[in-house]
Amino acid sequence: MKRVAILSLMLSSIAVTASADWPRFRGPNGAGISDATTIPTEWTDDDYNWITDLPGEGHGSPVVVGNRIFLLCGNMFTAERRVVCVSASDGEIVWSQRFKSAPHYLHRDNNYASSTPAADSNGVVVSWTTPGSFVLVALDNGGNEVWRKDYGEYKASWGGGPSPIIVDDVVVMMNDQMNPKIQRAFLPEDTPEEYINKPGKSFAVALNRITGEEIWKIERKSVVAGYATPCVREREDGRKEVIFIGAGNGMTAVDLESGEVNWTIDVLRTRICMSALLAGDLVIGGGGGGLVGDTLVAVRPPAKEGAKPEVVFDINKSIPLVPTALHKDGLLFLAQDTGVLSCVSAKTGEQVWRKRTRGKFYASPICVGDRIFCVNRRGDVLVLKAGDKFEQLAKNPLGDDSYATPAIVNGTMIFRTASQLMCIGGEKNL
């Protein structure tokens, strides 16, 4: 395999700055933004730095810290999970740790490795679910288990997929489960009444990154299982708050240190898969049902203690359900599950442009400089101009289905397909 040097750019946990890692779903704070200058617009099969066959399937996205890429793989027949560490420089598998499980029902578009890890210099934290367990596991950089938490029964009619984040040596996790009475139509006919009459135990939790000790835990309503990854907002007083979104819970800001709820607003009542996103002084979230988003809401957090958050706009046309919105230069770029790409004003929600494409999207768009990269489920990478007019610059086939959002390291982009991990970019592609 061809080798490339490792040097990457990232965002800080709150603002866009140069740094070294892509440590959580869609990079620092979930923004999906990079100012790397060595990622090509077009490429061929001969341009890949390396391609690695993975020991299992998965929809979860890769994350990168230093020279280590972490991701979760699953076995569709045994439900076994594998936490995999891959060298970013040459694509070699450094280690792979197995965790046994048992097959259980999943939505046809879900699988046993839909969660994205969170990583730091100490290693990686991963999550997965079964009907009987909601598990968080921390591994060190050698693949050794450091701590594990099992929060017991997990109720979701489509299976699991929530992802952790790490902020200031704190692991934060949201566990939004369903109320089976509300989701009864999606359950097998022979589901026991005892199960139906008992809602899942939903909560958000913060754990000490090193020890796994619980710092705080807050209860949440159980309506429909949610898969949104939280983001972090810094207040004027310097304190950080974690932003959660979920059906029945709306948008909620929780103080990172104390676990106290700073503010909440009753929005987003339907199923939530899209993750929360900061867009200037606004927080963006979306939800929907089936395979279609039905609302995208922008909320302005309260400016001072005791004030209330306000909805700036709430739109319901051309909304993604799964892919998270992307904010760039006052515009929100949306890749819909149905194959439509669109752009709206991040200030007003007014539509700027809309374009139907062939293929559907589960991966979230990311932005590199002035280009947006959108990976559809067929594994086609559409490269767009990040502007107020639709302009497709290229379409690059990965050669396999892909549901995962790419990661960026050392001016290279890491793609995950159903069976492979691949790296493109760097000085060689200029």
Protein backbone atom coordinates (compact mmCIF):
# COMPACT_ATOMS: atom_id res chain seq x y z
CA MET A 1 0.00 0.00 0.00
CA LYS A 2 1.07 3.56 -0.66
CA ARG A 3 2.07 5.65 2.33
CA VAL A 4 1.32 9.27 3.02
CA ALA A 5 2.49 11.56 5.83
CA ILE A 6 -0.02 12.43 8.50
CA LEU A 7 -0.94 16.03 9.21
CA SER A 8 -4.54 17.10 9.56
CA LEU A 9 -6.78 20.04 10.23
CA MET A 10 -9.79 20.18 12.49
CA LEU A 11 -12.12 22.47 14.36
CA SER A 12 -12.01 23.16 18.07
CA SER A 13 -14.95 21.81 20.08
CA ILE A 14 -16.76 25.09 19.50
CA ALA A 15 -15.07 27.23 16.82
CA VAL A 16 -13.28 26.60 13.53
CA THR A 17 -9.53 26.42 14.16
CA ALA A 18 -6.60 24.42 12.88
CA SER A 19 -5.95 21.26 14.87
CA ALA A 20 -5.14 17.61 14.34
CA ASP A 21 -8.12 15.33 14.73
CA TRP A 22 -11.60 14.31 13.54
CA PRO A 23 -12.65 12.79 16.87
CA ARG A 24 -16.42 12.31 16.67
CA PHE A 25 -19.30 12.02 14.21
CA ARG A 26 -18.68 14.58 11.43
CA GLY A 27 -15.59 15.99 13.07
CA PRO A 28 -15.14 18.61 15.79
CA ASN A 29 -18.51 19.53 17.28
CA GLY A 30 -20.24 17.81 14.36
CA ALA A 31 -19.71 20.82 12.08
CA GLY A 32 -18.29 18.81 9.16
CA ILE A 33 -15.95 21.63 8.11
CA SER A 34 -12.30 21.40 7.02
CA ASP A 35 -9.89 23.85 5.39
CA ALA A 36 -7.68 21.08 4.00
CA THR A 37 -6.17 22.05 0.65
CA THR A 38 -5.01 18.69 -0.72
CA ILE A 39 -8.29 16.85 -1.33
CA PRO A 40 -9.07 16.49 -5.05
CA THR A 41 -12.38 17.29 -6.69
CA GLU A 42 -12.13 14.36 -9.10
CA TRP A 43 -10.21 11.12 -8.89
CA THR A 44 -9.87 7.63 -10.36
CA ASP A 45 -9.29 4.19 -8.82
CA ASP A 46 -5.55 4.68 -9.32
CA ASP A 47 -5.51 7.77 -7.09
CA TYR A 48 -6.37 6.09 -3.78
CA ASN A 49 -3.56 6.13 -1.22
CA TRP A 50 -4.85 2.83 0.17
CA ILE A 51 -7.96 0.65 0.32
CA THR A 52 -8.53 -1.69 3.27
CA ASP A 53 -11.00 -4.59 3.51
CA LEU A 54 -12.87 -4.37 6.81
CA PRO A 55 -13.65 -7.33 9.11
CA GLY A 56 -17.39 -6.66 9.04
CA GLU A 57 -20.05 -4.29 7.83
CA GLY A 58 -21.20 -1.01 9.30
CA HIS A 59 -22.93 2.30 8.78
CA GLY A 60 -21.11 4.12 11.57
CA SER A 61 -18.60 6.74 10.43
CA PRO A 62 -14.83 6.62 10.98
CA VAL A 63 -13.12 8.97 13.45
CA VAL A 64 -9.45 9.91 13.57
CA VAL A 65 -7.06 10.93 16.36
CA GLY A 66 -3.36 11.20 15.55
CA ASN A 67 -2.48 8.33 13.23
CA ARG A 68 -5.36 6.13 14.41
CA ILE A 69 -8.66 5.64 12.64
CA PHE A 70 -11.38 4.04 14.78
CA LEU A 71 -14.65 2.51 13.62
CA LEU A 72 -17.21 -0.13 14.57
CA CYS A 73 -17.91 -3.24 12.46
CA GLY A 74 -20.69 -5.81 12.78
CA ASN A 75 -21.39 -9.34 11.63
CA MET A 76 -24.83 -9.54 10.00
CA PHE A 77 -25.20 -13.24 10.90
CA THR A 78 -23.93 -13.38 14.51
CA ALA A 79 -24.39 -9.71 15.56
CA GLU A 80 -20.78 -9.77 16.81
CA ARG A 81 -19.29 -6.30 17.08
CA ARG A 82 -15.70 -5.38 16.38
CA VAL A 83 -13.95 -2.20 17.39
CA VAL A 84 -11.30 -1.67 14.75
CA CYS A 85 -8.20 0.54 14.77
CA VAL A 86 -6.61 1.33 11.39
CA SER A 87 -3.37 3.16 10.63
CA ALA A 88 -4.17 6.43 8.86
CA SER A 89 -0.80 6.44 7.10
CA ASP A 90 -1.07 3.10 5.30
CA GLY A 91 -4.51 1.61 5.99
CA GLU A 92 -3.15 -1.39 7.89
CA ILE A 93 -5.43 -2.79 10.62
CA VAL A 94 -3.57 -2.16 13.90
CA TRP A 95 -5.96 -4.15 16.08
CA SER A 96 -9.52 -5.47 16.13
CA GLN A 97 -11.38 -6.34 19.33
CA ARG A 98 -14.40 -8.65 19.24
CA PHE A 99 -17.53 -8.41 21.38
CA LYS A 100 -20.07 -11.22 21.21
CA SER A 101 -23.78 -10.55 20.82
CA ALA A 102 -26.93 -12.24 19.56
CA PRO A 103 -28.97 -11.48 16.43
CA HIS A 104 -32.06 -9.33 16.91
CA TYR A 105 -34.52 -7.37 14.81
CA LEU A 106 -33.28 -4.25 13.00
CA HIS A 107 -34.76 -1.93 10.41
CA ARG A 108 -33.73 -3.03 6.91
CA ASP A 109 -31.49 0.05 6.60
CA ASN A 110 -29.92 -0.39 10.03
CA ASN A 111 -27.19 -2.85 11.01
CA TYR A 112 -25.14 -3.96 14.02
CA ALA A 113 -22.55 -1.19 13.63
CA SER A 114 -24.48 2.03 13.04
CA SER A 115 -22.90 3.98 15.89
CA THR A 116 -19.91 6.27 15.38
CA PRO A 117 -17.15 6.13 18.04
CA ALA A 118 -15.68 9.09 19.92
CA ALA A 119 -11.90 9.18 20.32
CA ASP A 120 -9.14 11.16 22.03
CA SER A 121 -5.48 10.71 22.94
CA ASN A 122 -6.43 8.02 25.49
CA GLY A 123 -8.18 5.77 22.98
CA VAL A 124 -11.79 5.32 21.92
CA VAL A 125 -15.32 5.09 23.39
CA VAL A 126 -17.93 3.08 21.48
CA SER A 127 -21.61 2.30 21.94
CA TRP A 128 -24.01 -0.37 20.74
CA THR A 129 -27.38 -1.77 21.71
CA THR A 130 -29.35 -5.00 21.87
CA PRO A 131 -32.93 -5.35 23.12
CA GLY A 132 -31.44 -6.26 26.51
CA SER A 133 -28.55 -3.82 26.75
CA PHE A 134 -27.32 -0.29 26.09
CA VAL A 135 -23.53 -0.53 26.23
CA LEU A 136 -20.69 2.00 26.43
CA VAL A 137 -17.14 0.62 26.24
CA ALA A 138 -13.84 2.50 26.56
CA LEU A 139 -10.71 0.99 25.00
CA ASP A 140 -7.14 2.29 25.20
CA ASN A 141 -4.91 2.79 22.19
CA GLY A 142 -3.81 -0.83 22.36
CA GLY A 143 -7.38 -2.11 22.17
CA ASN A 144 -7.58 -3.05 25.85
CA GLU A 145 -10.88 -2.54 27.63
CA VAL A 146 -10.62 0.17 30.29
CA TRP A 147 -14.21 0.38 31.48
CA ARG A 148 -17.69 -0.66 30.46
CA LYS A 149 -21.21 0.51 31.30
CA ASP A 150 -24.36 -1.47 30.55
CA TYR A 151 -27.54 0.50 31.15
CA GLY A 152 -29.83 -2.45 30.54
CA GLU A 153 -32.88 -2.85 28.35
CA TYR A 154 -33.07 -0.82 25.15
CA LYS A 155 -36.43 -0.28 23.46
CA ALA A 156 -36.47 0.86 19.84
CA SER A 157 -38.58 -0.52 17.02
CA TRP A 158 -35.77 -0.07 14.45
CA GLY A 159 -32.70 -1.02 16.49
CA GLY A 160 -29.92 1.18 17.84
CA GLY A 161 -27.47 3.73 16.48
CA PRO A 162 -26.78 6.60 18.96
CA SER A 163 -23.18 7.84 19.22
CA PRO A 164 -21.15 9.27 22.14
CA ILE A 165 -19.04 12.43 22.21
CA ILE A 166 -16.04 13.40 24.36
CA VAL A 167 -15.80 16.96 25.70
CA ASP A 168 -13.11 18.09 28.18
CA ASP A 169 -12.47 14.56 29.49
CA VAL A 170 -16.21 13.92 29.80
CA VAL A 171 -18.07 11.28 27.79
CA VAL A 172 -21.60 12.40 26.95
CA MET A 173 -24.27 10.01 25.67
CA MET A 174 -27.96 10.36 24.83
CA ASN A 175 -30.24 7.35 25.18
CA ASP A 176 -33.69 8.20 23.79
CA GLN A 177 -35.89 5.10 23.72
CA MET A 178 -39.44 4.48 22.55
CA ASN A 179 -42.76 4.16 24.30
CA PRO A 180 -44.05 0.87 22.79
CA LYS A 181 -47.64 2.09 23.00
CA ILE A 182 -46.79 4.91 20.61
CA GLN A 183 -44.78 2.61 18.34
CA ARG A 184 -47.12 -0.39 18.55
CA ALA A 185 -47.81 -0.45 14.81
CA PHE A 186 -44.12 -1.14 14.18
CA LEU A 187 -43.84 -4.05 16.63
CA PRO A 188 -44.38 -7.77 15.91
CA GLU A 189 -47.97 -8.92 16.45
CA ASP A 190 -46.93 -11.33 19.20
CA THR A 191 -45.23 -8.62 21.30
CA PRO A 192 -46.27 -9.19 24.95
CA GLU A 193 -48.58 -6.63 26.50
CA GLU A 194 -46.19 -6.34 29.44
CA TYR A 195 -43.53 -5.05 27.06
CA ILE A 196 -45.94 -2.68 25.30
CA ASN A 197 -47.18 -1.15 28.55
CA LYS A 198 -43.71 -0.23 29.79
CA PRO A 199 -41.85 2.71 28.18
CA GLY A 200 -38.10 2.47 27.69
CA LYS A 201 -35.88 4.29 30.19
CA SER A 202 -34.59 7.36 28.37
CA PHE A 203 -31.81 9.56 29.73
CA ALA A 204 -28.72 11.60 28.99
CA VAL A 205 -25.55 10.81 30.91
CA ALA A 206 -22.05 12.22 31.44
CA LEU A 207 -19.17 9.97 32.51
CA ASN A 208 -15.60 10.55 33.58
CA ARG A 209 -13.54 9.80 30.47
CA ILE A 210 -10.79 7.98 32.39
CA THR A 211 -12.74 5.98 34.98
CA GLY A 212 -16.26 5.71 33.54
CA GLU A 213 -17.64 7.10 36.81
CA GLU A 214 -21.01 8.79 36.37
CA ILE A 215 -20.89 12.58 36.72
CA TRP A 216 -24.55 13.30 36.08
CA LYS A 217 -27.61 11.65 34.60
CA ILE A 218 -30.90 13.29 33.63
CA GLU A 219 -34.15 11.57 32.74
CA ARG A 220 -35.79 12.16 29.37
CA LYS A 221 -39.23 11.33 28.01
CA SER A 222 -39.64 8.12 26.01
CA VAL A 223 -41.65 8.69 22.84
CA VAL A 224 -39.74 7.52 19.74
CA ALA A 225 -36.16 6.22 19.81
CA GLY A 226 -33.74 8.93 18.67
CA TYR A 227 -30.27 8.80 17.15
CA ALA A 228 -29.08 12.41 17.19
CA THR A 229 -25.51 13.09 18.31
CA PRO A 230 -25.34 16.15 20.59
CA CYS A 231 -23.24 19.25 19.98
CA VAL A 232 -21.69 21.71 22.43
CA ARG A 233 -22.27 25.43 22.76
CA GLU A 234 -20.14 27.88 24.76
CA ARG A 235 -22.08 30.54 26.66
CA GLU A 236 -20.98 34.12 27.20
CA ASP A 237 -19.82 33.23 30.72
CA GLY A 238 -17.48 30.60 29.28
CA ARG A 239 -19.44 27.59 30.54
CA LYS A 240 -20.25 24.85 28.06
CA GLU A 241 -23.67 23.35 27.51
CA VAL A 242 -24.53 20.18 25.63
CA ILE A 243 -27.40 20.48 23.15
CA PHE A 244 -29.68 17.43 22.88
CA ILE A 245 -32.61 17.04 20.49
CA GLY A 246 -35.25 14.33 20.60
CA ALA A 247 -38.93 13.52 20.10
CA GLY A 248 -40.95 14.53 23.14
CA ASN A 249 -37.92 16.30 24.62
CA GLY A 250 -37.54 19.10 22.11
CA MET A 251 -34.22 20.94 22.16
CA THR A 252 -32.49 20.95 25.54
CA ALA A 253 -29.28 22.60 26.75
CA VAL A 254 -27.55 20.90 29.69
CA ASP A 255 -24.60 22.36 31.62
CA LEU A 256 -21.60 20.14 30.91
CA GLU A 257 -20.21 20.29 34.44
CA SER A 258 -23.33 20.13 36.61
CA GLY A 259 -25.95 18.41 34.46
CA GLU A 260 -28.43 21.21 35.17
CA VAL A 261 -30.86 22.05 32.38
CA ASN A 262 -30.11 25.61 31.26
CA TRP A 263 -33.01 25.89 28.82
CA THR A 264 -35.41 23.81 26.79
CA ILE A 265 -37.92 24.46 24.02
CA ASP A 266 -40.77 22.29 22.75
CA VAL A 267 -39.83 21.64 19.11
CA LEU A 268 -39.13 18.54 17.00
CA ARG A 269 -41.89 16.19 18.10
CA THR A 270 -41.29 13.52 15.43
CA ARG A 271 -38.49 10.95 15.04
CA ILE A 272 -35.01 12.44 15.30
CA CYS A 273 -32.02 11.06 13.39
CA MET A 274 -30.36 14.30 12.25
CA SER A 275 -27.82 15.60 14.77
CA ALA A 276 -27.82 19.03 16.39
CA LEU A 277 -25.74 21.71 14.67
CA LEU A 278 -24.51 25.20 15.54
CA ALA A 279 -25.04 27.82 12.83
CA GLY A 280 -23.72 31.13 14.08
CA ASP A 281 -25.86 32.10 17.07
CA LEU A 282 -28.52 29.52 16.19
CA VAL A 283 -28.94 25.82 16.91
CA ILE A 284 -30.34 23.71 14.06
CA GLY A 285 -32.24 20.44 14.36
CA GLY A 286 -34.63 18.39 12.27
CA GLY A 287 -36.94 15.39 12.34
CA GLY A 288 -39.57 13.47 10.45
CA GLY A 289 -41.12 10.08 9.85
CA GLY A 290 -40.69 7.13 7.52
CA LEU A 291 -37.84 8.17 5.22
CA VAL A 292 -38.82 11.83 4.96
CA GLY A 293 -37.97 14.81 7.13
CA ASP A 294 -40.91 17.05 7.97
CA THR A 295 -39.34 19.92 9.91
CA LEU A 296 -36.10 21.85 10.20
CA VAL A 297 -36.00 24.31 13.06
CA ALA A 298 -33.56 27.06 14.02
CA VAL A 299 -33.53 28.11 17.68
CA ARG A 300 -31.79 31.11 19.20
CA PRO A 301 -30.67 30.27 22.75
CA PRO A 302 -31.48 32.73 25.54
CA ALA A 303 -29.03 35.62 25.76
CA LYS A 304 -29.13 35.83 29.56
CA GLU A 305 -30.17 33.88 32.61
CA GLY A 306 -33.94 33.59 32.90
CA ALA A 307 -34.62 34.48 29.29
CA LYS A 308 -36.32 32.04 26.94
CA PRO A 309 -35.07 30.50 23.70
CA GLU A 310 -36.92 31.45 20.54
CA VAL A 311 -37.71 29.77 17.24
CA VAL A 312 -36.21 31.86 14.43
CA PHE A 313 -37.61 29.71 11.61
CA ASP A 314 -39.33 26.37 11.15
CA ILE A 315 -39.54 24.98 7.63
CA ASN A 316 -41.12 21.78 6.37
CA LYS A 317 -40.17 21.45 2.70
CA SER A 318 -37.20 19.47 1.32
CA ILE A 319 -35.99 18.39 4.77
CA PRO A 320 -33.61 15.48 5.46
CA LEU A 321 -34.51 12.86 8.05
CA VAL A 322 -31.12 11.19 8.61
CA PRO A 323 -28.36 13.43 7.13
CA THR A 324 -27.32 16.34 9.33
CA ALA A 325 -27.45 19.86 7.88
CA LEU A 326 -24.21 21.67 6.98
CA HIS A 327 -23.61 25.35 7.77
CA LYS A 328 -21.24 27.37 5.59
CA ASP A 329 -21.06 31.15 5.12
CA GLY A 330 -24.62 31.86 6.20
CA LEU A 331 -26.13 29.00 4.19
CA LEU A 332 -27.49 25.62 5.24
CA PHE A 333 -26.86 22.77 2.82
CA LEU A 334 -29.21 19.77 3.02
CA ALA A 335 -28.82 16.27 1.55
CA GLN A 336 -32.13 14.44 1.74
CA ASP A 337 -32.78 10.76 2.14
CA THR A 338 -34.89 10.97 -1.03
CA GLY A 339 -32.00 12.22 -3.18
CA VAL A 340 -32.81 15.94 -3.21
CA LEU A 341 -30.03 18.43 -2.49
CA SER A 342 -30.99 21.91 -1.35
CA CYS A 343 -29.73 25.12 0.18
CA VAL A 344 -31.55 27.52 2.52
CA SER A 345 -30.64 30.73 4.27
CA ALA A 346 -29.29 30.05 7.76
CA LYS A 347 -30.86 33.32 8.94
CA THR A 348 -34.39 32.99 7.57
CA GLY A 349 -34.85 29.42 6.32
CA GLU A 350 -35.76 30.77 2.88
CA GLN A 351 -34.94 28.35 0.07
CA VAL A 352 -31.97 29.39 -2.07
CA TRP A 353 -31.83 26.42 -4.46
CA ARG A 354 -33.07 22.85 -4.78
CA LYS A 355 -31.93 20.04 -7.07
CA ARG A 356 -33.07 16.43 -7.43
CA THR A 357 -30.29 13.91 -8.00
CA ARG A 358 -30.13 10.18 -8.70
CA GLY A 359 -29.46 8.17 -5.55
CA LYS A 360 -30.46 8.66 -1.93
CA PHE A 361 -28.50 9.99 1.03
CA TYR A 362 -27.86 8.69 4.54
CA ALA A 363 -24.34 10.13 4.92
CA SER A 364 -24.15 13.77 6.02
CA PRO A 365 -22.45 16.34 3.79
CA ILE A 366 -19.05 17.77 4.73
CA CYS A 367 -17.32 20.89 3.44
CA VAL A 368 -13.67 21.23 2.41
CA GLY A 369 -12.75 24.81 1.57
CA ASP A 370 -15.43 25.95 -0.86
CA ARG A 371 -16.58 22.43 -1.89
CA ILE A 372 -19.24 20.20 -0.42
CA PHE A 373 -18.87 16.42 -0.55
CA CYS A 374 -22.08 14.35 -0.44
CA VAL A 375 -21.93 10.54 -0.47
CA ASN A 376 -25.11 8.81 -1.63
CA ARG A 377 -26.15 5.28 -0.71
CA ARG A 378 -24.82 3.93 -4.01
CA GLY A 379 -21.38 5.14 -3.04
CA ASP A 380 -21.27 8.07 -5.46
CA VAL A 381 -19.45 11.11 -4.08
CA LEU A 382 -21.08 14.27 -5.44
CA VAL A 383 -18.86 17.34 -5.19
CA LEU A 384 -20.70 20.67 -5.18
CA LYS A 385 -19.74 24.30 -5.09
CA ALA A 386 -20.54 25.70 -1.63
CA GLY A 387 -22.52 28.66 -2.90
CA ASP A 388 -25.91 30.24 -3.49
CA LYS A 389 -26.32 28.49 -6.87
CA PHE A 390 -26.34 24.75 -7.50
CA GLU A 391 -23.14 23.71 -9.26
CA GLN A 392 -22.02 20.08 -9.39
CA LEU A 393 -18.28 19.88 -9.94
CA ALA A 394 -17.82 16.11 -10.08
CA LYS A 395 -19.21 12.67 -9.29
CA ASN A 396 -16.78 10.03 -8.06
CA PRO A 397 -17.93 6.39 -7.59
CA LEU A 398 -16.55 4.51 -4.57
CA GLY A 399 -17.62 1.18 -6.08
CA ASP A 400 -19.74 0.04 -3.12
CA ASP A 401 -22.74 1.15 -1.08
CA SER A 402 -21.98 3.75 1.57
CA TYR A 403 -24.06 5.10 4.47
CA ALA A 404 -21.15 6.61 6.44
CA THR A 405 -19.99 10.22 6.63
CA PRO A 406 -16.33 10.72 5.59
CA ALA A 407 -13.54 11.83 7.93
CA ILE A 408 -10.60 14.10 7.15
CA VAL A 409 -6.97 13.67 8.26
CA ASN A 410 -3.72 15.14 6.93
CA GLY A 411 -5.40 16.69 3.93
CA THR A 412 -6.85 13.31 3.02
CA MET A 413 -10.43 12.10 3.10
CA ILE A 414 -11.36 8.72 4.60
CA PHE A 415 -14.43 7.01 3.13
CA ARG A 416 -16.22 4.01 4.57
CA THR A 417 -18.25 1.76 2.28
CA ALA A 418 -20.19 -1.36 3.24
CA SER A 419 -17.02 -3.45 3.21
CA GLN A 420 -14.00 -1.18 2.86
CA LEU A 421 -12.14 1.84 4.18
CA MET A 422 -10.36 4.01 1.60
CA CYS A 423 -8.18 7.11 1.57
CA ILE A 424 -7.90 9.79 -1.10
CA GLY A 425 -5.98 13.06 -1.24
CA GLY A 426 -2.74 14.49 0.11
CA GLU A 427 0.17 16.05 -1.73
CA LYS A 428 0.26 13.20 -4.31
CA ASN A 429 -3.13 14.26 -5.70
CA LEU A 430 -2.27 17.88 -6.37
